[in-house]
C-alpha atoms as a PDB file:
ATOM      1  CA  MET A   1      10.066 -38.289  -7.952  1.00  0.00           C
ATOM      2  CA  PRO A   2       7.797 -34.787  -8.873  1.00  0.00           C
ATOM      3  CA  THR A   3       5.984 -34.470 -12.137  1.00  0.00           C
ATOM      4  CA  ASN A   4       5.427 -31.740 -14.259  1.00  0.00           C
ATOM      5  CA  ARG A   5       2.100 -30.750 -16.400  1.00  0.00           C
ATOM      6  CA  THR A   6       0.890 -27.618 -17.684  1.00  0.00           C
ATOM      7  CA  VAL A   7      -3.242 -26.428 -16.924  1.00  0.00           C
ATOM      8  CA  ASP A   8      -4.580 -24.238 -19.172  1.00  0.00           C
ATOM      9  CA  VAL A   9      -7.151 -22.528 -16.907  1.00  0.00           C
ATOM     10  CA  TYR A  10      -8.008 -19.748 -19.595  1.00  0.00           C
ATOM     11  CA  SER A  11      -7.198 -18.902 -23.190  1.00  0.00           C
ATOM     12  CA  ASP A  12      -4.497 -16.974 -22.200  1.00  0.00           C
ATOM     13  CA  LEU A  13      -3.046 -18.452 -19.179  1.00  0.00           C
ATOM     14  CA  SER A  14      -1.534 -21.692 -18.699  1.00  0.00           C
ATOM     15  CA  LEU A  15      -0.095 -22.729 -15.266  1.00  0.00           C
ATOM     16  CA  SER A  16       2.843 -24.813 -14.931  1.00  0.00           C
ATOM     17  CA  LEU A  17       2.351 -27.319 -11.878  1.00  0.00           C
ATOM     18  CA  SER A  18       4.903 -29.875 -10.230  1.00  0.00           C
ATOM     19  CA  GLU A  19       3.003 -32.808  -8.613  1.00  0.00           C
ATOM     20  CA  ALA A  20       4.206 -35.436  -6.299  1.00  0.00           C
ATOM     21  CA  GLY A  21       3.084 -37.683  -3.655  1.00  0.00           C
ATOM     22  CA  SER A  22      -0.368 -39.080  -2.968  1.00  0.00           C
ATOM     23  CA  GLY A  23      -3.546 -38.299  -0.828  1.00  0.00           C
ATOM     24  CA  ARG A  24      -4.976 -35.046   0.368  1.00  0.00           C
ATOM     25  CA  PRO A  25      -4.307 -32.467  -2.201  1.00  0.00           C
ATOM     26  CA  CYS A  26      -2.176 -29.494  -0.956  1.00  0.00           C
ATOM     27  CA  LEU A  27      -1.527 -26.683  -3.292  1.00  0.00           C
ATOM     28  CA  ILE A  28       1.958 -24.784  -1.925  1.00  0.00           C
ATOM     29  CA  LEU A  29       2.160 -21.316  -3.144  1.00  0.00           C
ATOM     30  CA  HIS A  30       5.464 -19.908  -2.994  1.00  0.00           C
ATOM     31  CA  GLY A  31       6.564 -16.237  -2.303  1.00  0.00           C
ATOM     32  CA  GLY A  32       8.245 -13.228  -4.488  1.00  0.00           C
ATOM     33  CA  GLY A  33      11.441 -15.563  -4.357  1.00  0.00           C
ATOM     34  CA  GLY A  34      10.184 -18.045  -6.405  1.00  0.00           C
ATOM     35  CA  PRO A  35       9.304 -21.625  -6.187  1.00  0.00           C
ATOM     36  CA  ALA A  36      12.786 -22.764  -4.956  1.00  0.00           C
ATOM     37  CA  THR A  37      11.819 -21.239  -1.494  1.00  0.00           C
ATOM     38  CA  VAL A  38       9.186 -23.965  -1.291  1.00  0.00           C
ATOM     39  CA  ALA A  39      10.762 -26.999  -2.723  1.00  0.00           C
ATOM     40  CA  GLY A  40      12.065 -28.710   0.283  1.00  0.00           C
ATOM     41  CA  LEU A  41       8.640 -28.055   1.899  1.00  0.00           C
ATOM     42  CA  ALA A  42       7.010 -29.817  -1.027  1.00  0.00           C
ATOM     43  CA  ALA A  43       9.645 -32.412  -0.917  1.00  0.00           C
ATOM     44  CA  GLN A  44       8.602 -32.815   2.703  1.00  0.00           C
ATOM     45  CA  LEU A  45       4.932 -32.950   2.775  1.00  0.00           C
ATOM     46  CA  SER A  46       4.845 -35.044  -0.493  1.00  0.00           C
ATOM     47  CA  HIS A  47       5.373 -38.030   1.967  1.00  0.00           C
ATOM     48  CA  SER A  48       1.862 -37.923   3.426  1.00  0.00           C
ATOM     49  CA  LEU A  49       0.109 -35.455   1.046  1.00  0.00           C
ATOM     50  CA  HIS A  50      -0.652 -34.643  -2.886  1.00  0.00           C
ATOM     51  CA  THR A  51       1.638 -31.834  -3.289  1.00  0.00           C
ATOM     52  CA  ILE A  52       0.849 -29.336  -6.295  1.00  0.00           C
ATOM     53  CA  THR A  53       3.583 -26.747  -6.660  1.00  0.00           C
ATOM     54  CA  PRO A  54       2.838 -24.121  -9.514  1.00  0.00           C
ATOM     55  CA  THR A  55       4.793 -21.452 -10.658  1.00  0.00           C
ATOM     56  CA  HIS A  56       3.042 -17.971 -10.610  1.00  0.00           C
ATOM     57  CA  PRO A  57       2.814 -16.375 -13.996  1.00  0.00           C
ATOM     58  CA  GLY A  58       5.422 -13.992 -14.323  1.00  0.00           C
ATOM     59  CA  TRP A  59       7.758 -16.065 -12.434  1.00  0.00           C
ATOM     60  CA  ASN A  60      10.836 -17.821 -13.546  1.00  0.00           C
ATOM     61  CA  GLY A  61      10.217 -16.861 -17.250  1.00  0.00           C
ATOM     62  CA  ALA A  62       6.213 -18.563 -16.902  1.00  0.00           C
ATOM     63  CA  PRO A  63       3.703 -16.327 -19.141  1.00  0.00           C
ATOM     64  CA  ARG A  64       1.866 -13.704 -17.323  1.00  0.00           C
ATOM     65  CA  PRO A  65      -0.934 -11.945 -19.326  1.00  0.00           C
ATOM     66  CA  ALA A  66      -1.188  -8.306 -19.334  1.00  0.00           C
ATOM     67  CA  TRP A  67      -4.608  -8.421 -17.242  1.00  0.00           C
ATOM     68  CA  LEU A  68      -2.866 -10.628 -14.405  1.00  0.00           C
ATOM     69  CA  THR A  69      -1.725  -7.464 -12.533  1.00  0.00           C
ATOM     70  CA  GLY A  70      -2.944  -8.584  -8.626  1.00  0.00           C
ATOM     71  CA  VAL A  71      -3.133 -10.864  -5.919  1.00  0.00           C
ATOM     72  CA  ASP A  72      -6.852 -11.260  -6.670  1.00  0.00           C
ATOM     73  CA  ASP A  73      -6.273 -12.301 -10.300  1.00  0.00           C
ATOM     74  CA  LEU A  74      -3.467 -15.173  -9.023  1.00  0.00           C
ATOM     75  CA  ALA A  75      -6.174 -16.123  -6.533  1.00  0.00           C
ATOM     76  CA  LEU A  76      -8.854 -16.555  -8.952  1.00  0.00           C
ATOM     77  CA  ALA A  77      -7.049 -18.588 -11.750  1.00  0.00           C
ATOM     78  CA  TYR A  78      -5.762 -20.927  -8.731  1.00  0.00           C
ATOM     79  CA  LEU A  79      -9.293 -21.613  -7.473  1.00  0.00           C
ATOM     80  CA  HIS A  80     -10.133 -22.306 -11.026  1.00  0.00           C
ATOM     81  CA  CYS A  81      -7.567 -24.520 -11.486  1.00  0.00           C
ATOM     82  CA  LEU A  82      -8.560 -26.388  -8.263  1.00  0.00           C
ATOM     83  CA  ARG A  83     -12.306 -26.903  -9.690  1.00  0.00           C
ATOM     84  CA  ASP A  84     -10.613 -27.632 -13.311  1.00  0.00           C
ATOM     85  CA  LEU A  85      -8.901 -30.583 -11.701  1.00  0.00           C
ATOM     86  CA  GLY A  86     -11.703 -32.060  -9.617  1.00  0.00           C
ATOM     87  CA  LEU A  87      -9.914 -31.756  -6.316  1.00  0.00           C
ATOM     88  CA  SER A  88     -11.500 -31.037  -3.025  1.00  0.00           C
ATOM     89  CA  ASP A  89     -10.772 -31.207   0.649  1.00  0.00           C
ATOM     90  CA  VAL A  90      -7.962 -29.077  -0.521  1.00  0.00           C
ATOM     91  CA  LEU A  91      -4.823 -28.067   1.928  1.00  0.00           C
ATOM     92  CA  VAL A  92      -3.489 -24.736   0.573  1.00  0.00           C
ATOM     93  CA  ILE A  93      -0.214 -23.558   2.183  1.00  0.00           C
ATOM     94  CA  GLY A  94       1.530 -20.227   1.180  1.00  0.00           C
ATOM     95  CA  SER A  95       4.880 -18.435   2.208  1.00  0.00           C
ATOM     96  CA  SER A  96       4.702 -14.402   2.126  1.00  0.00           C
ATOM     97  CA  LEU A  97       2.932 -13.570  -1.196  1.00  0.00           C
ATOM     98  CA  GLY A  98       1.907 -17.248  -1.762  1.00  0.00           C
ATOM     99  CA  GLY A  99      -0.022 -16.601   1.813  1.00  0.00           C
ATOM    100  CA  TRP A 100      -1.596 -13.720   0.921  1.00  0.00           C
ATOM    101  CA  THR A 101      -2.866 -15.388  -2.032  1.00  0.00           C
ATOM    102  CA  ALA A 102      -3.918 -18.183   0.107  1.00  0.00           C
ATOM    103  CA  ALA A 103      -6.216 -15.783   2.165  1.00  0.00           C
ATOM    104  CA  GLU A 104      -7.778 -14.112  -1.241  1.00  0.00           C
ATOM    105  CA  MET A 105      -8.371 -17.626  -2.550  1.00  0.00           C
ATOM    106  CA  ALA A 106     -10.170 -18.693   1.028  1.00  0.00           C
ATOM    107  CA  VAL A 107     -12.660 -15.402   0.769  1.00  0.00           C
ATOM    108  CA  ARG A 108     -13.385 -16.130  -2.797  1.00  0.00           C
ATOM    109  CA  ASP A 109     -13.915 -19.825  -2.034  1.00  0.00           C
ATOM    110  CA  THR A 110     -17.797 -20.074  -2.404  1.00  0.00           C
ATOM    111  CA  ALA A 111     -17.683 -23.722  -3.203  1.00  0.00           C
ATOM    112  CA  GLY A 112     -15.625 -24.986  -0.176  1.00  0.00           C
ATOM    113  CA  VAL A 113     -12.717 -26.456  -2.213  1.00  0.00           C
ATOM    114  CA  ILE A 114     -10.437 -25.228   0.436  1.00  0.00           C
ATOM    115  CA  THR A 115     -10.671 -26.843   4.005  1.00  0.00           C
ATOM    116  CA  GLY A 116      -7.322 -26.105   5.355  1.00  0.00           C
ATOM    117  CA  LEU A 117      -4.981 -23.054   5.223  1.00  0.00           C
ATOM    118  CA  VAL A 118      -1.477 -22.695   6.617  1.00  0.00           C
ATOM    119  CA  LEU A 119      -0.108 -19.199   6.085  1.00  0.00           C
ATOM    120  CA  ILE A 120       3.637 -19.025   6.372  1.00  0.00           C
ATOM    121  CA  ASP A 121       4.668 -15.005   7.184  1.00  0.00           C
ATOM    122  CA  ALA A 122       1.976 -13.796   4.737  1.00  0.00           C
ATOM    123  CA  VAL A 123       1.669 -10.407   3.615  1.00  0.00           C
ATOM    124  CA  GLY A 124      -1.453  -9.268   2.458  1.00  0.00           C
ATOM    125  CA  VAL A 125      -3.236  -6.993   5.282  1.00  0.00           C
ATOM    126  CA  HIS A 126      -2.870  -3.900   6.928  1.00  0.00           C
ATOM    127  CA  VAL A 127      -2.367  -3.594  10.575  1.00  0.00           C
ATOM    128  CA  GLU A 128      -2.464  -0.672  12.395  1.00  0.00           C
ATOM    129  CA  GLY A 129       0.876   0.043  14.077  1.00  0.00           C
ATOM    130  CA  GLU A 130       2.575  -3.175  12.276  1.00  0.00           C
ATOM    131  CA  PRO A 131       3.469  -1.864   9.115  1.00  0.00           C
ATOM    132  CA  ILE A 132       4.888  -3.968   6.162  1.00  0.00           C
ATOM    133  CA  THR A 133       8.616  -3.064   5.781  1.00  0.00           C
ATOM    134  CA  ASP A 134       8.976  -1.782   2.442  1.00  0.00           C
ATOM    135  CA  PHE A 135      10.709  -4.828   0.579  1.00  0.00           C
ATOM    136  CA  PHE A 136      11.139  -2.879  -2.564  1.00  0.00           C
ATOM    137  CA  SER A 137      13.596  -0.198  -1.085  1.00  0.00           C
ATOM    138  CA  LEU A 138      16.072  -2.616   0.289  1.00  0.00           C
ATOM    139  CA  ASP A 139      19.402  -3.744  -1.093  1.00  0.00           C
ATOM    140  CA  ALA A 140      20.541  -7.546  -0.666  1.00  0.00           C
ATOM    141  CA  ALA A 141      22.297  -6.897   2.761  1.00  0.00           C
ATOM    142  CA  GLY A 142      18.910  -5.068   4.039  1.00  0.00           C
ATOM    143  CA  VAL A 143      16.772  -8.370   2.851  1.00  0.00           C
ATOM    144  CA  ALA A 144      19.267 -10.290   4.638  1.00  0.00           C
ATOM    145  CA  GLU A 145      18.961  -8.081   8.001  1.00  0.00           C
ATOM    146  CA  TYR A 146      14.986  -7.893   7.618  1.00  0.00           C
ATOM    147  CA  ALA A 147      14.112 -11.195   6.379  1.00  0.00           C
ATOM    148  CA  TRP A 148      16.402 -13.506   8.260  1.00  0.00           C
ATOM    149  CA  HIS A 149      17.470 -14.485  11.726  1.00  0.00           C
ATOM    150  CA  ASP A 150      20.873 -15.358  10.784  1.00  0.00           C
ATOM    151  CA  SER A 151      21.958 -12.848   8.496  1.00  0.00           C
ATOM    152  CA  THR A 152      25.206 -13.881   7.587  1.00  0.00           C
ATOM    153  CA  ARG A 153      23.904 -16.977   5.497  1.00  0.00           C
ATOM    154  CA  ALA A 154      21.646 -14.726   3.414  1.00  0.00           C
ATOM    155  CA  ALA A 155      23.312 -12.111   2.041  1.00  0.00           C
ATOM    156  CA  VAL A 156      23.791 -12.132  -1.858  1.00  0.00           C
ATOM    157  CA  ASP A 157      26.267 -10.282  -3.787  1.00  0.00           C
ATOM    158  CA  PRO A 158      24.370  -9.306  -6.789  1.00  0.00           C
ATOM    159  CA  ALA A 159      27.750  -8.837  -8.436  1.00  0.00           C
ATOM    160  CA  ALA A 160      28.589 -12.727  -7.817  1.00  0.00           C
ATOM    161  CA  LEU A 161      25.616 -14.210  -9.399  1.00  0.00           C
ATOM    162  CA  PRO A 162      25.841 -15.408 -13.110  1.00  0.00           C
ATOM    163  CA  ALA A 163      24.051 -13.310 -15.527  1.00  0.00           C
ATOM    164  CA  ALA A 164      20.875 -14.989 -16.601  1.00  0.00           C
ATOM    165  CA  GLN A 165      20.458 -15.851 -12.774  1.00  0.00           C
ATOM    166  CA  LEU A 166      20.516 -12.110 -11.908  1.00  0.00           C
ATOM    167  CA  GLN A 167      18.476 -11.167 -14.796  1.00  0.00           C
ATOM    168  CA  MET A 168      15.997 -14.008 -13.715  1.00  0.00           C
ATOM    169  CA  MET A 169      15.638 -12.322 -10.243  1.00  0.00           C
ATOM    170  CA  ARG A 170      15.234  -9.044 -11.441  1.00  0.00           C
ATOM    171  CA  ALA A 171      12.462 -10.098 -13.716  1.00  0.00           C
ATOM    172  CA  ASN A 172      10.705 -11.984 -10.804  1.00  0.00           C
ATOM    173  CA  MET A 173      11.145  -8.902  -8.645  1.00  0.00           C
ATOM    174  CA  ALA A 174       9.443  -6.688 -11.155  1.00  0.00           C
ATOM    175  CA  THR A 175       6.476  -8.981 -11.444  1.00  0.00           C
ATOM    176  CA  LEU A 176       6.021  -9.149  -7.712  1.00  0.00           C
ATOM    177  CA  ARG A 177       6.215  -5.266  -7.804  1.00  0.00           C
ATOM    178  CA  ASP A 178       3.661  -5.311 -10.395  1.00  0.00           C
ATOM    179  CA  ILE A 179       1.228  -7.251  -8.695  1.00  0.00           C
ATOM    180  CA  ALA A 180       1.710  -6.923  -5.076  1.00  0.00           C
ATOM    181  CA  GLY A 181       3.500  -3.403  -4.771  1.00  0.00           C
ATOM    182  CA  GLU A 182       0.698  -0.850  -4.868  1.00  0.00           C
ATOM    183  CA  PRO A 183      -0.360  -0.713  -2.142  1.00  0.00           C
ATOM    184  CA  ASN A 184       2.883  -2.303  -0.614  1.00  0.00           C
ATOM    185  CA  MET A 185       2.290  -5.709  -0.395  1.00  0.00           C
ATOM    186  CA  HIS A 186      -1.614  -5.537   1.277  1.00  0.00           C
ATOM    187  CA  ASP A 187      -5.267  -5.463   0.107  1.00  0.00           C
ATOM    188  CA  PRO A 188      -7.260  -2.814   2.243  1.00  0.00           C
ATOM    189  CA  LYS A 189      -9.859  -4.598   2.353  1.00  0.00           C
ATOM    190  CA  LEU A 190      -8.851  -8.295   3.377  1.00  0.00           C
ATOM    191  CA  LEU A 191      -8.739  -8.017   6.837  1.00  0.00           C
ATOM    192  CA  ARG A 192     -12.060  -7.478   7.636  1.00  0.00           C
ATOM    193  CA  ARG A 193     -13.315 -10.168   5.384  1.00  0.00           C
ATOM    194  CA  LEU A 194     -11.352 -12.962   6.708  1.00  0.00           C
ATOM    195  CA  GLY A 195     -13.923 -13.185   9.695  1.00  0.00           C
ATOM    196  CA  ARG A 196     -15.991 -15.225   7.003  1.00  0.00           C
ATOM    197  CA  VAL A 197     -13.421 -17.914   6.572  1.00  0.00           C
ATOM    198  CA  ASP A 198     -14.039 -20.514   9.255  1.00  0.00           C
ATOM    199  CA  VAL A 199     -11.851 -23.442   7.909  1.00  0.00           C
ATOM    200  CA  PRO A 200      -9.056 -24.449  10.269  1.00  0.00           C
ATOM    201  CA  THR A 201      -5.984 -21.839   9.500  1.00  0.00           C
ATOM    202  CA  LEU A 202      -2.547 -21.729  11.101  1.00  0.00           C
ATOM    203  CA  LEU A 203      -0.415 -19.223  10.574  1.00  0.00           C
ATOM    204  CA  LEU A 204       3.391 -19.961  11.242  1.00  0.00           C
ATOM    205  CA  TRP A 205       5.843 -16.994  12.024  1.00  0.00           C
ATOM    206  CA  GLY A 206       9.356 -16.711  12.298  1.00  0.00           C
ATOM    207  CA  ALA A 207      10.138 -14.795  15.742  1.00  0.00           C
ATOM    208  CA  SER A 208      12.697 -12.512  14.140  1.00  0.00           C
ATOM    209  CA  ASP A 209      10.764 -11.582  10.637  1.00  0.00           C
ATOM    210  CA  ARG A 210      11.101  -7.944  10.450  1.00  0.00           C
ATOM    211  CA  ILE A 211       9.375  -7.968   6.936  1.00  0.00           C
ATOM    212  CA  VAL A 212       6.135  -8.755   8.890  1.00  0.00           C
ATOM    213  CA  THR A 213       6.484  -9.042  12.436  1.00  0.00           C
ATOM    214  CA  PRO A 214       5.040 -11.781  14.813  1.00  0.00           C
ATOM    215  CA  ALA A 215       2.631  -9.142  16.379  1.00  0.00           C
ATOM    216  CA  TYR A 216       1.431  -8.692  12.319  1.00  0.00           C
ATOM    217  CA  GLY A 217       1.062 -12.268  12.204  1.00  0.00           C
ATOM    218  CA  ALA A 218      -1.068 -12.529  15.546  1.00  0.00           C
ATOM    219  CA  ALA A 219      -3.739  -9.785  14.313  1.00  0.00           C
ATOM    220  CA  TYR A 220      -3.676 -11.771  10.960  1.00  0.00           C
ATOM    221  CA  ALA A 221      -4.612 -14.734  12.731  1.00  0.00           C
ATOM    222  CA  ASP A 222      -6.960 -13.060  15.103  1.00  0.00           C
ATOM    223  CA  ALA A 223      -8.816 -11.920  11.921  1.00  0.00           C
ATOM    224  CA  PHE A 224      -9.684 -15.383  10.744  1.00  0.00           C
ATOM    225  CA  GLY A 225     -13.061 -17.070  11.833  1.00  0.00           C
ATOM    226  CA  ASP A 226     -10.903 -20.187  13.346  1.00  0.00           C
ATOM    227  CA  GLY A 227      -6.863 -18.999  12.922  1.00  0.00           C
ATOM    228  CA  ARG A 228      -4.363 -19.525  15.486  1.00  0.00           C
ATOM    229  CA  LEU A 229      -0.699 -18.121  15.476  1.00  0.00           C
ATOM    230  CA  GLN A 230       2.296 -20.414  15.977  1.00  0.00           C
ATOM    231  CA  VAL A 231       5.952 -18.550  16.283  1.00  0.00           C
ATOM    232  CA  VAL A 232       9.063 -20.455  15.019  1.00  0.00           C
ATOM    233  CA  PRO A 233      12.171 -19.397  16.949  1.00  0.00           C
ATOM    234  CA  GLU A 234      15.307 -18.648  15.509  1.00  0.00           C
ATOM    235  CA  ALA A 235      13.667 -17.795  12.184  1.00  0.00           C
ATOM    236  CA  GLY A 236      12.889 -14.874   9.948  1.00  0.00           C
ATOM    237  CA  HIS A 237      10.568 -14.484   6.693  1.00  0.00           C
ATOM    238  CA  LEU A 238      11.225 -17.952   5.583  1.00  0.00           C
ATOM    239  CA  PRO A 239      11.180 -20.406   8.839  1.00  0.00           C
ATOM    240  CA  HIS A 240      10.583 -23.592   6.851  1.00  0.00           C
ATOM    241  CA  ILE A 241      14.323 -22.753   5.246  1.00  0.00           C
ATOM    242  CA  GLU A 242      15.972 -21.261   8.438  1.00  0.00           C
ATOM    243  CA  GLN A 243      14.139 -23.889  11.131  1.00  0.00           C
ATOM    244  CA  PRO A 244      12.704 -26.422   8.752  1.00  0.00           C
ATOM    245  CA  GLU A 245      12.440 -29.247  11.523  1.00  0.00           C
ATOM    246  CA  ALA A 246      10.451 -27.367  13.712  1.00  0.00           C
ATOM    247  CA  THR A 247       8.354 -25.742  10.566  1.00  0.00           C
ATOM    248  CA  PHE A 248       7.440 -29.457   9.507  1.00  0.00           C
ATOM    249  CA  ALA A 249       6.761 -30.592  12.941  1.00  0.00           C
ATOM    250  CA  LEU A 250       4.020 -27.961  13.296  1.00  0.00           C
ATOM    251  CA  ILE A 251       2.363 -28.705   9.930  1.00  0.00           C
ATOM    252  CA  ASP A 252       2.334 -32.344  10.634  1.00  0.00           C
ATOM    253  CA  ALA A 253       0.551 -31.834  13.736  1.00  0.00           C
ATOM    254  CA  TYR A 254      -2.031 -29.404  11.816  1.00  0.00           C
ATOM    255  CA  VAL A 255      -2.774 -31.894   9.117  1.00  0.00           C
ATOM    256  CA  ARG A 256      -2.860 -34.981  11.822  1.00  0.00           C
ATOM    257  CA  ALA A 257      -5.285 -32.679  14.066  1.00  0.00           C
ATOM    258  CA  LYS A 258      -7.388 -32.206  11.156  1.00  0.00           C
ATOM    259  CA  ALA A 259      -7.612 -35.467   9.384  1.00  0.00           C
END
């Protein structure tokens, strides 16, 4: 069973962590949909790894200090957290916004704490000719169409949600816009910096993702010093949810190859 703890990274920033399993430490970073979107992934990986799954500041009611306004702030906070915990040989796995955060962590990791990266349909870079879909302009039906292979399983009628859940979703979206919205879901300088990241990097991509396309993922992978792309059929922006068995198998093979 997962255990929860809070780590004080700065005097005004505490991170809430859910931990499970044992072995090599694995930091799992969620995307804009919140920690529930990576819960299944964390549960699966905890059979062989020590999984550490934070809730980003500002999501699900977690406090966010006023100065935390960008993914660079988030990346540095997690790097400092890993060092404060005395961890090494860390695998970082990130989905969407979490993948962007993982990439920003890697370019700043001068201590070599991170030894592996898995980015799942990550945003965060600018690729000429492959623009990131303006997620903030999409309604629920649009998110289902662009982010899922099977849009019928994802369409959500906001009017059918409990008021508290709807309020939390809106607050999460507001935080996502604050941290990642300008410019639209990317750091203009990140792509050219990734060549300095030489840890083995696996980019997993849903073949049907229309938020960031597989061609975008290929350019992302090529920018890393040691990156490769694996495309998951019949999956969109969250392949670990739509095609969990295929996604887990690719991650397991990557972990075994780097063991």
